Amino acid sequence: MKALRLALHAWGRYWAHQEMGKGHANRSACDKFGEPIAYGSGVVHELTVPKHVAVIDKLVEKLTPNCRRAIRAHYVCKGNWALLGFDSKKSYIYWLRRAEIALA
């Protein structure tokens, strides 16, 4: 269980970092605005996910929706369970423990 939680913490840090951004933009907003016109509308920026994060992603995808929300609330959102729609902390803890047991 300890190894699983360490892996989930690393997974959560990675996704929290991706959602927060990586600091200041390297291009201006006006420059980005003209990109679809200059390069076509099919511009896609793909994210290369590290292998250890992709493995955890696949495991988390198999969980029930409430378990996925609890895992995300705890490991990505740093325990802000109310942000993800849980009614109480007791409910959040129940789904978190159930998710961790399912992943173990």
PDB file of N, CA and C in Angstrom:
ATOM      1  N   MET A   1       0.832  -1.185   0.000  1.00  0.00           N
ATOM      2  CA  MET A   1       0.000   0.000   0.000  1.00  0.00           C
ATOM      3  C   MET A   1       0.887   1.263   0.000  1.00  0.00           C
ATOM      4  N   LYS A   2       2.017   1.172   0.722  1.00  0.00           N
ATOM      5  CA  LYS A   2       2.912   2.315   0.802  1.00  0.00           C
ATOM      6  C   LYS A   2       3.496   2.657  -0.573  1.00  0.00           C
ATOM      7  N   ALA A   3       3.899   1.638  -1.316  1.00  0.00           N
ATOM      8  CA  ALA A   3       4.459   1.853  -2.663  1.00  0.00           C
ATOM      9  C   ALA A   3       3.399   2.428  -3.597  1.00  0.00           C
ATOM     10  N   LEU A   4       2.161   1.934  -3.461  1.00  0.00           N
ATOM     11  CA  LEU A   4       1.066   2.455  -4.286  1.00  0.00           C
ATOM     12  C   LEU A   4       0.841   3.935  -4.003  1.00  0.00           C
ATOM     13  N   ARG A   5       0.818   4.314  -2.744  1.00  0.00           N
ATOM     14  CA  ARG A   5       0.592   5.714  -2.390  1.00  0.00           C
ATOM     15  C   ARG A   5       1.731   6.606  -2.875  1.00  0.00           C
ATOM     16  N   LEU A   6       2.968   6.114  -2.821  1.00  0.00           N
ATOM     17  CA  LEU A   6       4.099   6.888  -3.346  1.00  0.00           C
ATOM     18  C   LEU A   6       3.952   7.102  -4.856  1.00  0.00           C
ATOM     19  N   ALA A   7       3.533   6.055  -5.564  1.00  0.00           N
ATOM     20  CA  ALA A   7       3.322   6.168  -7.013  1.00  0.00           C
ATOM     21  C   ALA A   7       2.180   7.128  -7.321  1.00  0.00           C
ATOM     22  N   LEU A   8       1.116   7.075  -6.524  1.00  0.00           N
ATOM     23  CA  LEU A   8      -0.018   7.982  -6.731  1.00  0.00           C
ATOM     24  C   LEU A   8       0.370   9.433  -6.436  1.00  0.00           C
ATOM     25  N   HIS A   9       1.223   9.650  -5.444  1.00  0.00           N
ATOM     26  CA  HIS A   9       1.689  11.011  -5.155  1.00  0.00           C
ATOM     27  C   HIS A   9       2.502  11.553  -6.331  1.00  0.00           C
ATOM     28  N   ALA A  10       3.367  10.734  -6.911  1.00  0.00           N
ATOM     29  CA  ALA A  10       4.152  11.163  -8.074  1.00  0.00           C
ATOM     30  C   ALA A  10       3.227  11.465  -9.254  1.00  0.00           C
ATOM     31  N   TRP A  11       2.233  10.614  -9.458  1.00  0.00           N
ATOM     32  CA  TRP A  11       1.230  10.809 -10.514  1.00  0.00           C
ATOM     33  C   TRP A  11       0.469  12.114 -10.296  1.00  0.00           C
ATOM     34  N   GLY A  12       0.049  12.353  -9.063  1.00  0.00           N
ATOM     35  CA  GLY A  12      -0.698  13.565  -8.737  1.00  0.00           C
ATOM     36  C   GLY A  12       0.130  14.826  -8.914  1.00  0.00           C
ATOM     37  N   ARG A  13       1.403  14.774  -8.506  1.00  0.00           N
ATOM     38  CA  ARG A  13       2.292  15.933  -8.703  1.00  0.00           C
ATOM     39  C   ARG A  13       2.463  16.245 -10.186  1.00  0.00           C
ATOM     40  N   TYR A  14       2.603  15.202 -11.005  1.00  0.00           N
ATOM     41  CA  TYR A  14       2.776  15.413 -12.442  1.00  0.00           C
ATOM     42  C   TYR A  14       1.559  16.115 -13.029  1.00  0.00           C
ATOM     43  N   TRP A  15       0.354  15.599 -12.726  1.00  0.00           N
ATOM     44  CA  TRP A  15      -0.851  16.187 -13.314  1.00  0.00           C
ATOM     45  C   TRP A  15      -1.166  17.559 -12.726  1.00  0.00           C
ATOM     46  N   ALA A  16      -0.873  17.778 -11.468  1.00  0.00           N
ATOM     47  CA  ALA A  16      -1.070  19.103 -10.872  1.00  0.00           C
ATOM     48  C   ALA A  16      -0.147  20.113 -11.545  1.00  0.00           C
ATOM     49  N   HIS A  17       1.089  19.700 -11.820  1.00  0.00           N
ATOM     50  CA  HIS A  17       2.047  20.574 -12.500  1.00  0.00           C
ATOM     51  C   HIS A  17       1.580  20.883 -13.919  1.00  0.00           C
ATOM     52  N   GLN A  18       1.021  19.890 -14.617  1.00  0.00           N
ATOM     53  CA  GLN A  18       0.527  20.104 -15.974  1.00  0.00           C
ATOM     54  C   GLN A  18      -0.664  21.050 -15.984  1.00  0.00           C
ATOM     55  N   GLU A  19      -1.546  20.926 -14.999  1.00  0.00           N
ATOM     56  CA  GLU A  19      -2.736  21.781 -14.943  1.00  0.00           C
ATOM     57  C   GLU A  19      -2.393  23.206 -14.537  1.00  0.00           C
ATOM     58  N   MET A  20      -1.373  23.382 -13.708  1.00  0.00           N
ATOM     59  CA  MET A  20      -0.995  24.715 -13.259  1.00  0.00           C
ATOM     60  C   MET A  20      -0.181  25.457 -14.305  1.00  0.00           C
ATOM     61  N   GLY A  21       0.414  24.753 -15.226  1.00  0.00           N
ATOM     62  CA  GLY A  21       1.264  25.393 -16.219  1.00  0.00           C
ATOM     63  C   GLY A  21       2.702  25.369 -15.769  1.00  0.00           C
ATOM     64  N   LYS A  22       3.554  25.794 -16.639  1.00  0.00           N
ATOM     65  CA  LYS A  22       4.984  25.723 -16.359  1.00  0.00           C
ATOM     66  C   LYS A  22       5.604  27.109 -16.289  1.00  0.00           C
ATOM     67  N   GLY A  23       4.875  28.070 -15.792  1.00  0.00           N
ATOM     68  CA  GLY A  23       5.436  29.412 -15.669  1.00  0.00           C
ATOM     69  C   GLY A  23       4.947  30.323 -16.776  1.00  0.00           C
ATOM     70  N   HIS A  24       5.752  31.299 -17.128  1.00  0.00           N
ATOM     71  CA  HIS A  24       5.363  32.278 -18.124  1.00  0.00           C
ATOM     72  C   HIS A  24       5.390  31.671 -19.522  1.00  0.00           C
ATOM     73  N   ALA A  25       4.499  32.157 -20.361  1.00  0.00           N
ATOM     74  CA  ALA A  25       4.437  31.679 -21.738  1.00  0.00           C
ATOM     75  C   ALA A  25       5.678  32.124 -22.507  1.00  0.00           C
ATOM     76  N   ASN A  26       6.101  31.278 -23.431  1.00  0.00           N
ATOM     77  CA  ASN A  26       7.272  31.628 -24.223  1.00  0.00           C
ATOM     78  C   ASN A  26       6.889  32.406 -25.484  1.00  0.00           C
ATOM     79  N   ARG A  27       5.573  32.566 -25.717  1.00  0.00           N
ATOM     80  CA  ARG A  27       5.085  33.348 -26.844  1.00  0.00           C
ATOM     81  C   ARG A  27       3.970  34.255 -26.359  1.00  0.00           C
ATOM     82  N   SER A  28       3.773  35.352 -27.041  1.00  0.00           N
ATOM     83  CA  SER A  28       2.724  36.278 -26.642  1.00  0.00           C
ATOM     84  C   SER A  28       1.354  35.724 -27.015  1.00  0.00           C
ATOM     85  N   ALA A  29       0.313  36.226 -26.361  1.00  0.00           N
ATOM     86  CA  ALA A  29      -1.053  35.795 -26.651  1.00  0.00           C
ATOM     87  C   ALA A  29      -1.435  36.154 -28.087  1.00  0.00           C
ATOM     88  N   CYS A  30      -0.979  37.287 -28.568  1.00  0.00           N
ATOM     89  CA  CYS A  30      -1.287  37.706 -29.943  1.00  0.00           C
ATOM     90  C   CYS A  30      -0.642  36.768 -30.959  1.00  0.00           C
ATOM     91  N   ASP A  31       0.549  36.318 -30.663  1.00  0.00           N
ATOM     92  CA  ASP A  31       1.239  35.388 -31.545  1.00  0.00           C
ATOM     93  C   ASP A  31       0.483  34.063 -31.611  1.00  0.00           C
ATOM     94  N   LYS A  32       0.014  33.579 -30.471  1.00  0.00           N
ATOM     95  CA  LYS A  32      -0.750  32.336 -30.434  1.00  0.00           C
ATOM     96  C   LYS A  32      -2.098  32.494 -31.128  1.00  0.00           C
ATOM     97  N   PHE A  33      -2.678  33.686 -31.055  1.00  0.00           N
ATOM     98  CA  PHE A  33      -3.972  33.930 -31.672  1.00  0.00           C
ATOM     99  C   PHE A  33      -3.883  33.756 -33.185  1.00  0.00           C
ATOM    100  N   GLY A  34      -2.787  34.159 -33.797  1.00  0.00           N
ATOM    101  CA  GLY A  34      -2.625  34.050 -35.240  1.00  0.00           C
ATOM    102  C   GLY A  34      -2.213  32.676 -35.720  1.00  0.00           C
ATOM    103  N   GLU A  35      -1.910  31.761 -34.829  1.00  0.00           N
ATOM    104  CA  GLU A  35      -1.419  30.440 -35.199  1.00  0.00           C
ATOM    105  C   GLU A  35      -2.365  29.636 -36.080  1.00  0.00           C
ATOM    106  N   PRO A  36      -3.679  29.554 -35.773  1.00  0.00           N
ATOM    107  CA  PRO A  36      -4.556  28.764 -36.649  1.00  0.00           C
ATOM    108  C   PRO A  36      -4.625  29.309 -38.068  1.00  0.00           C
ATOM    109  N   ILE A  37      -4.504  30.616 -38.218  1.00  0.00           N
ATOM    110  CA  ILE A  37      -4.556  31.210 -39.540  1.00  0.00           C
ATOM    111  C   ILE A  37      -3.268  30.893 -40.298  1.00  0.00           C
ATOM    112  N   ALA A  38      -2.142  31.000 -39.626  1.00  0.00           N
ATOM    113  CA  ALA A  38      -0.857  30.785 -40.267  1.00  0.00           C
ATOM    114  C   ALA A  38      -0.586  29.306 -40.557  1.00  0.00           C
ATOM    115  N   TYR A  39      -0.998  28.426 -39.677  1.00  0.00           N
ATOM    116  CA  TYR A  39      -0.652  27.018 -39.798  1.00  0.00           C
ATOM    117  C   TYR A  39      -1.863  26.110 -40.035  1.00  0.00           C
ATOM    118  N   GLY A  40      -3.034  26.662 -40.216  1.00  0.00           N
ATOM    119  CA  GLY A  40      -4.234  25.861 -40.403  1.00  0.00           C
ATOM    120  C   GLY A  40      -4.920  25.575 -39.084  1.00  0.00           C
ATOM    121  N   SER A  41      -6.153  25.128 -39.155  1.00  0.00           N
ATOM    122  CA  SER A  41      -6.927  24.917 -37.931  1.00  0.00           C
ATOM    123  C   SER A  41      -6.622  23.578 -37.268  1.00  0.00           C
ATOM    124  N   GLY A  42      -5.844  22.731 -37.891  1.00  0.00           N
ATOM    125  CA  GLY A  42      -5.575  21.409 -37.345  1.00  0.00           C
ATOM    126  C   GLY A  42      -4.348  21.355 -36.460  1.00  0.00           C
ATOM    127  N   VAL A  43      -3.958  22.469 -35.864  1.00  0.00           N
ATOM    128  CA  VAL A  43      -2.785  22.485 -35.000  1.00  0.00           C
ATOM    129  C   VAL A  43      -3.115  21.759 -33.708  1.00  0.00           C
ATOM    130  N   VAL A  44      -2.320  20.731 -33.394  1.00  0.00           N
ATOM    131  CA  VAL A  44      -2.538  19.939 -32.195  1.00  0.00           C
ATOM    132  C   VAL A  44      -1.234  19.900 -31.412  1.00  0.00           C
ATOM    133  N   HIS A  45      -1.339  20.203 -30.129  1.00  0.00           N
ATOM    134  CA  HIS A  45      -0.178  20.122 -29.256  1.00  0.00           C
ATOM    135  C   HIS A  45      -0.345  18.885 -28.389  1.00  0.00           C
ATOM    136  N   GLU A  46       0.453  17.860 -28.663  1.00  0.00           N
ATOM    137  CA  GLU A  46       0.345  16.623 -27.896  1.00  0.00           C
ATOM    138  C   GLU A  46       1.259  16.664 -26.687  1.00  0.00           C
ATOM    139  N   LEU A  47       0.777  16.080 -25.634  1.00  0.00           N
ATOM    140  CA  LEU A  47       1.529  16.010 -24.392  1.00  0.00           C
ATOM    141  C   LEU A  47       2.159  14.626 -24.298  1.00  0.00           C
ATOM    142  N   THR A  48       3.454  14.579 -24.106  1.00  0.00           N
ATOM    143  CA  THR A  48       4.142  13.309 -23.933  1.00  0.00           C
ATOM    144  C   THR A  48       4.139  12.978 -22.447  1.00  0.00           C
ATOM    145  N   VAL A  49       3.383  11.974 -22.102  1.00  0.00           N
ATOM    146  CA  VAL A  49       3.230  11.568 -20.705  1.00  0.00           C
ATOM    147  C   VAL A  49       4.292  10.523 -20.374  1.00  0.00           C
ATOM    148  N   PRO A  50       5.011  10.683 -19.257  1.00  0.00           N
ATOM    149  CA  PRO A  50       5.998   9.675 -18.852  1.00  0.00           C
ATOM    150  C   PRO A  50       5.338   8.307 -18.637  1.00  0.00           C
ATOM    151  N   LYS A  51       6.113   7.267 -18.833  1.00  0.00           N
ATOM    152  CA  LYS A  51       5.581   5.903 -18.769  1.00  0.00           C
ATOM    153  C   LYS A  51       4.968   5.579 -17.409  1.00  0.00           C
ATOM    154  N   HIS A  52       5.627   5.978 -16.309  1.00  0.00           N
ATOM    155  CA  HIS A  52       5.095   5.650 -14.978  1.00  0.00           C
ATOM    156  C   HIS A  52       3.764   6.365 -14.712  1.00  0.00           C
ATOM    157  N   VAL A  53       3.567   7.530 -15.314  1.00  0.00           N
ATOM    158  CA  VAL A  53       2.298   8.256 -15.171  1.00  0.00           C
ATOM    159  C   VAL A  53       1.224   7.588 -16.025  1.00  0.00           C
ATOM    160  N   ALA A  54       1.588   7.154 -17.229  1.00  0.00           N
ATOM    161  CA  ALA A  54       0.628   6.495 -18.116  1.00  0.00           C
ATOM    162  C   ALA A  54       0.112   5.191 -17.510  1.00  0.00           C
ATOM    163  N   VAL A  55       0.982   4.478 -16.804  1.00  0.00           N
ATOM    164  CA  VAL A  55       0.561   3.229 -16.155  1.00  0.00           C
ATOM    165  C   VAL A  55      -0.503   3.519 -15.097  1.00  0.00           C
ATOM    166  N   ILE A  56      -0.268   4.529 -14.275  1.00  0.00           N
ATOM    167  CA  ILE A  56      -1.244   4.897 -13.237  1.00  0.00           C
ATOM    168  C   ILE A  56      -2.534   5.401 -13.891  1.00  0.00           C
ATOM    169  N   ASP A  57      -2.420   6.169 -14.983  1.00  0.00           N
ATOM    170  CA  ASP A  57      -3.611   6.646 -15.701  1.00  0.00           C
ATOM    171  C   ASP A  57      -4.506   5.485 -16.115  1.00  0.00           C
ATOM    172  N   LYS A  58      -3.914   4.439 -16.670  1.00  0.00           N
ATOM    173  CA  LYS A  58      -4.695   3.274 -17.115  1.00  0.00           C
ATOM    174  C   LYS A  58      -5.373   2.569 -15.947  1.00  0.00           C
ATOM    175  N   LEU A  59      -4.680   2.488 -14.818  1.00  0.00           N
ATOM    176  CA  LEU A  59      -5.278   1.853 -13.638  1.00  0.00           C
ATOM    177  C   LEU A  59      -6.440   2.695 -13.103  1.00  0.00           C
ATOM    178  N   VAL A  60      -6.265   4.000 -13.061  1.00  0.00           N
ATOM    179  CA  VAL A  60      -7.298   4.894 -12.523  1.00  0.00           C
ATOM    180  C   VAL A  60      -8.522   4.919 -13.443  1.00  0.00           C
ATOM    181  N   GLU A  61      -8.315   4.794 -14.751  1.00  0.00           N
ATOM    182  CA  GLU A  61      -9.433   4.784 -15.699  1.00  0.00           C
ATOM    183  C   GLU A  61     -10.385   3.622 -15.456  1.00  0.00           C
ATOM    184  N   LYS A  62      -9.881   2.525 -14.913  1.00  0.00           N
ATOM    185  CA  LYS A  62     -10.706   1.335 -14.678  1.00  0.00           C
ATOM    186  C   LYS A  62     -11.583   1.455 -13.434  1.00  0.00           C
ATOM    187  N   LEU A  63     -11.344   2.460 -12.606  1.00  0.00           N
ATOM    188  CA  LEU A  63     -12.108   2.625 -11.367  1.00  0.00           C
ATOM    189  C   LEU A  63     -13.485   3.220 -11.638  1.00  0.00           C
ATOM    190  N   THR A  64     -14.365   3.107 -10.641  1.00  0.00           N
ATOM    191  CA  THR A  64     -15.685   3.730 -10.748  1.00  0.00           C
ATOM    192  C   THR A  64     -15.532   5.255 -10.708  1.00  0.00           C
ATOM    193  N   PRO A  65     -16.523   5.994 -11.193  1.00  0.00           N
ATOM    194  CA  PRO A  65     -16.415   7.462 -11.206  1.00  0.00           C
ATOM    195  C   PRO A  65     -16.141   8.082  -9.833  1.00  0.00           C
ATOM    196  N   ASN A  66     -16.791   7.599  -8.788  1.00  0.00           N
ATOM    197  CA  ASN A  66     -16.559   8.158  -7.450  1.00  0.00           C
ATOM    198  C   ASN A  66     -15.147   7.868  -6.956  1.00  0.00           C
ATOM    199  N   CYS A  67     -14.628   6.696  -7.279  1.00  0.00           N
ATOM    200  CA  CYS A  67     -13.249   6.369  -6.894  1.00  0.00           C
ATOM    201  C   CYS A  67     -12.265   7.265  -7.641  1.00  0.00           C
ATOM    202  N   ARG A  68     -12.504   7.489  -8.932  1.00  0.00           N
ATOM    203  CA  ARG A  68     -11.632   8.370  -9.710  1.00  0.00           C
ATOM    204  C   ARG A  68     -11.652   9.788  -9.152  1.00  0.00           C
ATOM    205  N   ARG A  69     -12.843  10.285  -8.782  1.00  0.00           N
ATOM    206  CA  ARG A  69     -12.941  11.629  -8.207  1.00  0.00           C
ATOM    207  C   ARG A  69     -12.172  11.723  -6.901  1.00  0.00           C
ATOM    208  N   ALA A  70     -12.274  10.689  -6.066  1.00  0.00           N
ATOM    209  CA  ALA A  70     -11.579  10.698  -4.773  1.00  0.00           C
ATOM    210  C   ALA A  70     -10.065  10.665  -4.962  1.00  0.00           C
ATOM    211  N   ILE A  71      -9.594   9.836  -5.883  1.00  0.00           N
ATOM    212  CA  ILE A  71      -8.153   9.774  -6.169  1.00  0.00           C
ATOM    213  C   ILE A  71      -7.675  11.131  -6.667  1.00  0.00           C
ATOM    214  N   ARG A  72      -8.420  11.733  -7.570  1.00  0.00           N
ATOM    215  CA  ARG A  72      -8.048  13.042  -8.111  1.00  0.00           C
ATOM    216  C   ARG A  72      -8.073  14.114  -7.019  1.00  0.00           C
ATOM    217  N   ALA A  73      -9.092  14.082  -6.173  1.00  0.00           N
ATOM    218  CA  ALA A  73      -9.202  15.077  -5.097  1.00  0.00           C
ATOM    219  C   ALA A  73      -8.013  14.974  -4.143  1.00  0.00           C
ATOM    220  N   HIS A  74      -7.615  13.764  -3.819  1.00  0.00           N
ATOM    221  CA  HIS A  74      -6.542  13.584  -2.836  1.00  0.00           C
ATOM    222  C   HIS A  74      -5.157  13.833  -3.419  1.00  0.00           C
ATOM    223  N   TYR A  75      -4.885  13.267  -4.577  1.00  0.00           N
ATOM    224  CA  TYR A  75      -3.521  13.289  -5.092  1.00  0.00           C
ATOM    225  C   TYR A  75      -3.232  14.450  -6.049  1.00  0.00           C
ATOM    226  N   VAL A  76      -4.219  14.958  -6.749  1.00  0.00           N
ATOM    227  CA  VAL A  76      -3.987  16.078  -7.672  1.00  0.00           C
ATOM    228  C   VAL A  76      -4.393  17.400  -7.032  1.00  0.00           C
ATOM    229  N   CYS A  77      -5.558  17.421  -6.389  1.00  0.00           N
ATOM    230  CA  CYS A  77      -6.099  18.659  -5.810  1.00  0.00           C
ATOM    231  C   CYS A  77      -5.726  18.839  -4.347  1.00  0.00           C
ATOM    232  N   LYS A  78      -4.821  18.045  -3.844  1.00  0.00           N
ATOM    233  CA  LYS A  78      -4.289  18.162  -2.479  1.00  0.00           C
ATOM    234  C   LYS A  78      -5.360  18.099  -1.394  1.00  0.00           C
ATOM    235  N   GLY A  79      -6.330  17.220  -1.560  1.00  0.00           N
ATOM    236  CA  GLY A  79      -7.335  17.002  -0.528  1.00  0.00           C
ATOM    237  C   GLY A  79      -8.513  17.957  -0.533  1.00  0.00           C
ATOM    238  N   ASN A  80      -8.663  18.774  -1.554  1.00  0.00           N
ATOM    239  CA  ASN A  80      -9.811  19.687  -1.638  1.00  0.00           C
ATOM    240  C   ASN A  80     -11.026  18.921  -2.154  1.00  0.00           C
ATOM    241  N   TRP A  81     -11.596  18.099  -1.298  1.00  0.00           N
ATOM    242  CA  TRP A  81     -12.685  17.209  -1.678  1.00  0.00           C
ATOM    243  C   TRP A  81     -13.950  17.955  -2.071  1.00  0.00           C
ATOM    244  N   ALA A  82     -14.185  19.120  -1.519  1.00  0.00           N
ATOM    245  CA  ALA A  82     -15.399  19.869  -1.846  1.00  0.00           C
ATOM    246  C   ALA A  82     -15.386  20.353  -3.298  1.00  0.00           C
ATOM    247  N   LEU A  83     -14.216  20.575  -3.855  1.00  0.00           N
ATOM    248  CA  LEU A  83     -14.113  21.039  -5.240  1.00  0.00           C
ATOM    249  C   LEU A  83     -14.607  19.991  -6.232  1.00  0.00           C
ATOM    250  N   LEU A  84     -14.521  18.734  -5.853  1.00  0.00           N
ATOM    251  CA  LEU A  84     -14.916  17.666  -6.764  1.00  0.00           C
ATOM    252  C   LEU A  84     -16.306  17.109  -6.459  1.00  0.00           C
ATOM    253  N   GLY A  85     -17.069  17.808  -5.654  1.00  0.00           N
ATOM    254  CA  GLY A  85     -18.478  17.474  -5.470  1.00  0.00           C
ATOM    255  C   GLY A  85     -18.812  16.462  -4.396  1.00  0.00           C
ATOM    256  N   PHE A  86     -17.915  16.178  -3.476  1.00  0.00           N
ATOM    257  CA  PHE A  86     -18.253  15.273  -2.380  1.00  0.00           C
ATOM    258  C   PHE A  86     -19.074  16.019  -1.339  1.00  0.00           C
ATOM    259  N   ASP A  87     -20.083  15.335  -0.775  1.00  0.00           N
ATOM    260  CA  ASP A  87     -20.978  15.948   0.201  1.00  0.00           C
ATOM    261  C   ASP A  87     -20.300  16.171   1.549  1.00  0.00           C
ATOM    262  N   SER A  88     -19.433  15.234   1.923  1.00  0.00           N
ATOM    263  CA  SER A  88     -18.778  15.334   3.223  1.00  0.00           C
ATOM    264  C   SER A  88     -17.383  14.729   3.147  1.00  0.00           C
ATOM    265  N   LYS A  89     -16.593  15.025   4.157  1.00  0.00           N
ATOM    266  CA  LYS A  89     -15.255  14.459   4.216  1.00  0.00           C
ATOM    267  C   LYS A  89     -15.329  12.951   4.433  1.00  0.00           C
ATOM    268  N   LYS A  90     -16.324  12.512   5.168  1.00  0.00           N
ATOM    269  CA  LYS A  90     -16.499  11.080   5.425  1.00  0.00           C
ATOM    270  C   LYS A  90     -16.735  10.317   4.113  1.00  0.00           C
ATOM    271  N   SER A  91     -17.561  10.878   3.249  1.00  0.00           N
ATOM    272  CA  SER A  91     -17.822  10.273   1.944  1.00  0.00           C
ATOM    273  C   SER A  91     -16.558  10.237   1.092  1.00  0.00           C
ATOM    274  N   TYR A  92     -15.821  11.340   1.099  1.00  0.00           N
ATOM    275  CA  TYR A  92     -14.569  11.433   0.347  1.00  0.00           C
ATOM    276  C   TYR A  92     -13.570  10.377   0.822  1.00  0.00           C
ATOM    277  N   ILE A  93     -13.404  10.233   2.131  1.00  0.00           N
ATOM    278  CA  ILE A  93     -12.470   9.248   2.692  1.00  0.00           C
ATOM    279  C   ILE A  93     -12.908   7.826   2.340  1.00  0.00           C
ATOM    280  N   TYR A  94     -14.218   7.563   2.379  1.00  0.00           N
ATOM    281  CA  TYR A  94     -14.726   6.236   2.028  1.00  0.00           C
ATOM    282  C   TYR A  94     -14.334   5.872   0.595  1.00  0.00           C
ATOM    283  N   TRP A  95     -14.595   6.781  -0.346  1.00  0.00           N
ATOM    284  CA  TRP A  95     -14.297   6.506  -1.751  1.00  0.00           C
ATOM    285  C   TRP A  95     -12.797   6.448  -2.012  1.00  0.00           C
ATOM    286  N   LEU A  96     -12.029   7.244  -1.288  1.00  0.00           N
ATOM    287  CA  LEU A  96     -10.576   7.214  -1.436  1.00  0.00           C
ATOM    288  C   LEU A  96     -10.026   5.862  -0.994  1.00  0.00           C
ATOM    289  N   ARG A  97     -10.439   5.384   0.159  1.00  0.00           N
ATOM    290  CA  ARG A  97      -9.968   4.083   0.662  1.00  0.00           C
ATOM    291  C   ARG A  97     -10.408   2.943  -0.277  1.00  0.00           C
ATOM    292  N   ARG A  98     -11.621   3.035  -0.756  1.00  0.00           N
ATOM    293  CA  ARG A  98     -12.125   2.010  -1.673  1.00  0.00           C
ATOM    294  C   ARG A  98     -11.299   1.999  -2.967  1.00  0.00           C
ATOM    295  N   ALA A  99     -10.940   3.181  -3.459  1.00  0.00           N
ATOM    296  CA  ALA A  99     -10.135   3.277  -4.676  1.00  0.00           C
ATOM    297  C   ALA A  99      -8.734   2.730  -4.453  1.00  0.00           C
ATOM    298  N   GLU A 100      -8.129   3.076  -3.311  1.00  0.00           N
ATOM    299  CA  GLU A 100      -6.782   2.582  -3.023  1.00  0.00           C
ATOM    300  C   GLU A 100      -6.760   1.058  -2.882  1.00  0.00           C
ATOM    301  N   ILE A 101      -7.792   0.516  -2.274  1.00  0.00           N
ATOM    302  CA  ILE A 101      -7.873  -0.962  -2.136  1.00  0.00           C
ATOM    303  C   ILE A 101      -8.047  -1.607  -3.517  1.00  0.00           C
ATOM    304  N   ALA A 102      -8.849  -0.977  -4.373  1.00  0.00           N
ATOM    305  CA  ALA A 102      -9.054  -1.528  -5.724  1.00  0.00           C
ATOM    306  C   ALA A 102      -7.765  -1.478  -6.550  1.00  0.00           C
ATOM    307  N   LEU A 103      -6.946  -0.474  -6.313  1.00  0.00           N
ATOM    308  CA  LEU A 103      -5.697  -0.347  -7.061  1.00  0.00           C
ATOM    309  C   LEU A 103      -4.590  -1.241  -6.523  1.00  0.00           C
ATOM    310  N   ALA A 104      -4.697  -1.636  -5.263  1.00  0.00           N
ATOM    311  CA  ALA A 104      -3.631  -2.444  -4.636  1.00  0.00           C
ATOM    312  C   ALA A 104      -3.569  -3.856  -5.168  1.00  0.00           C
TER     313      ALA A 104
END
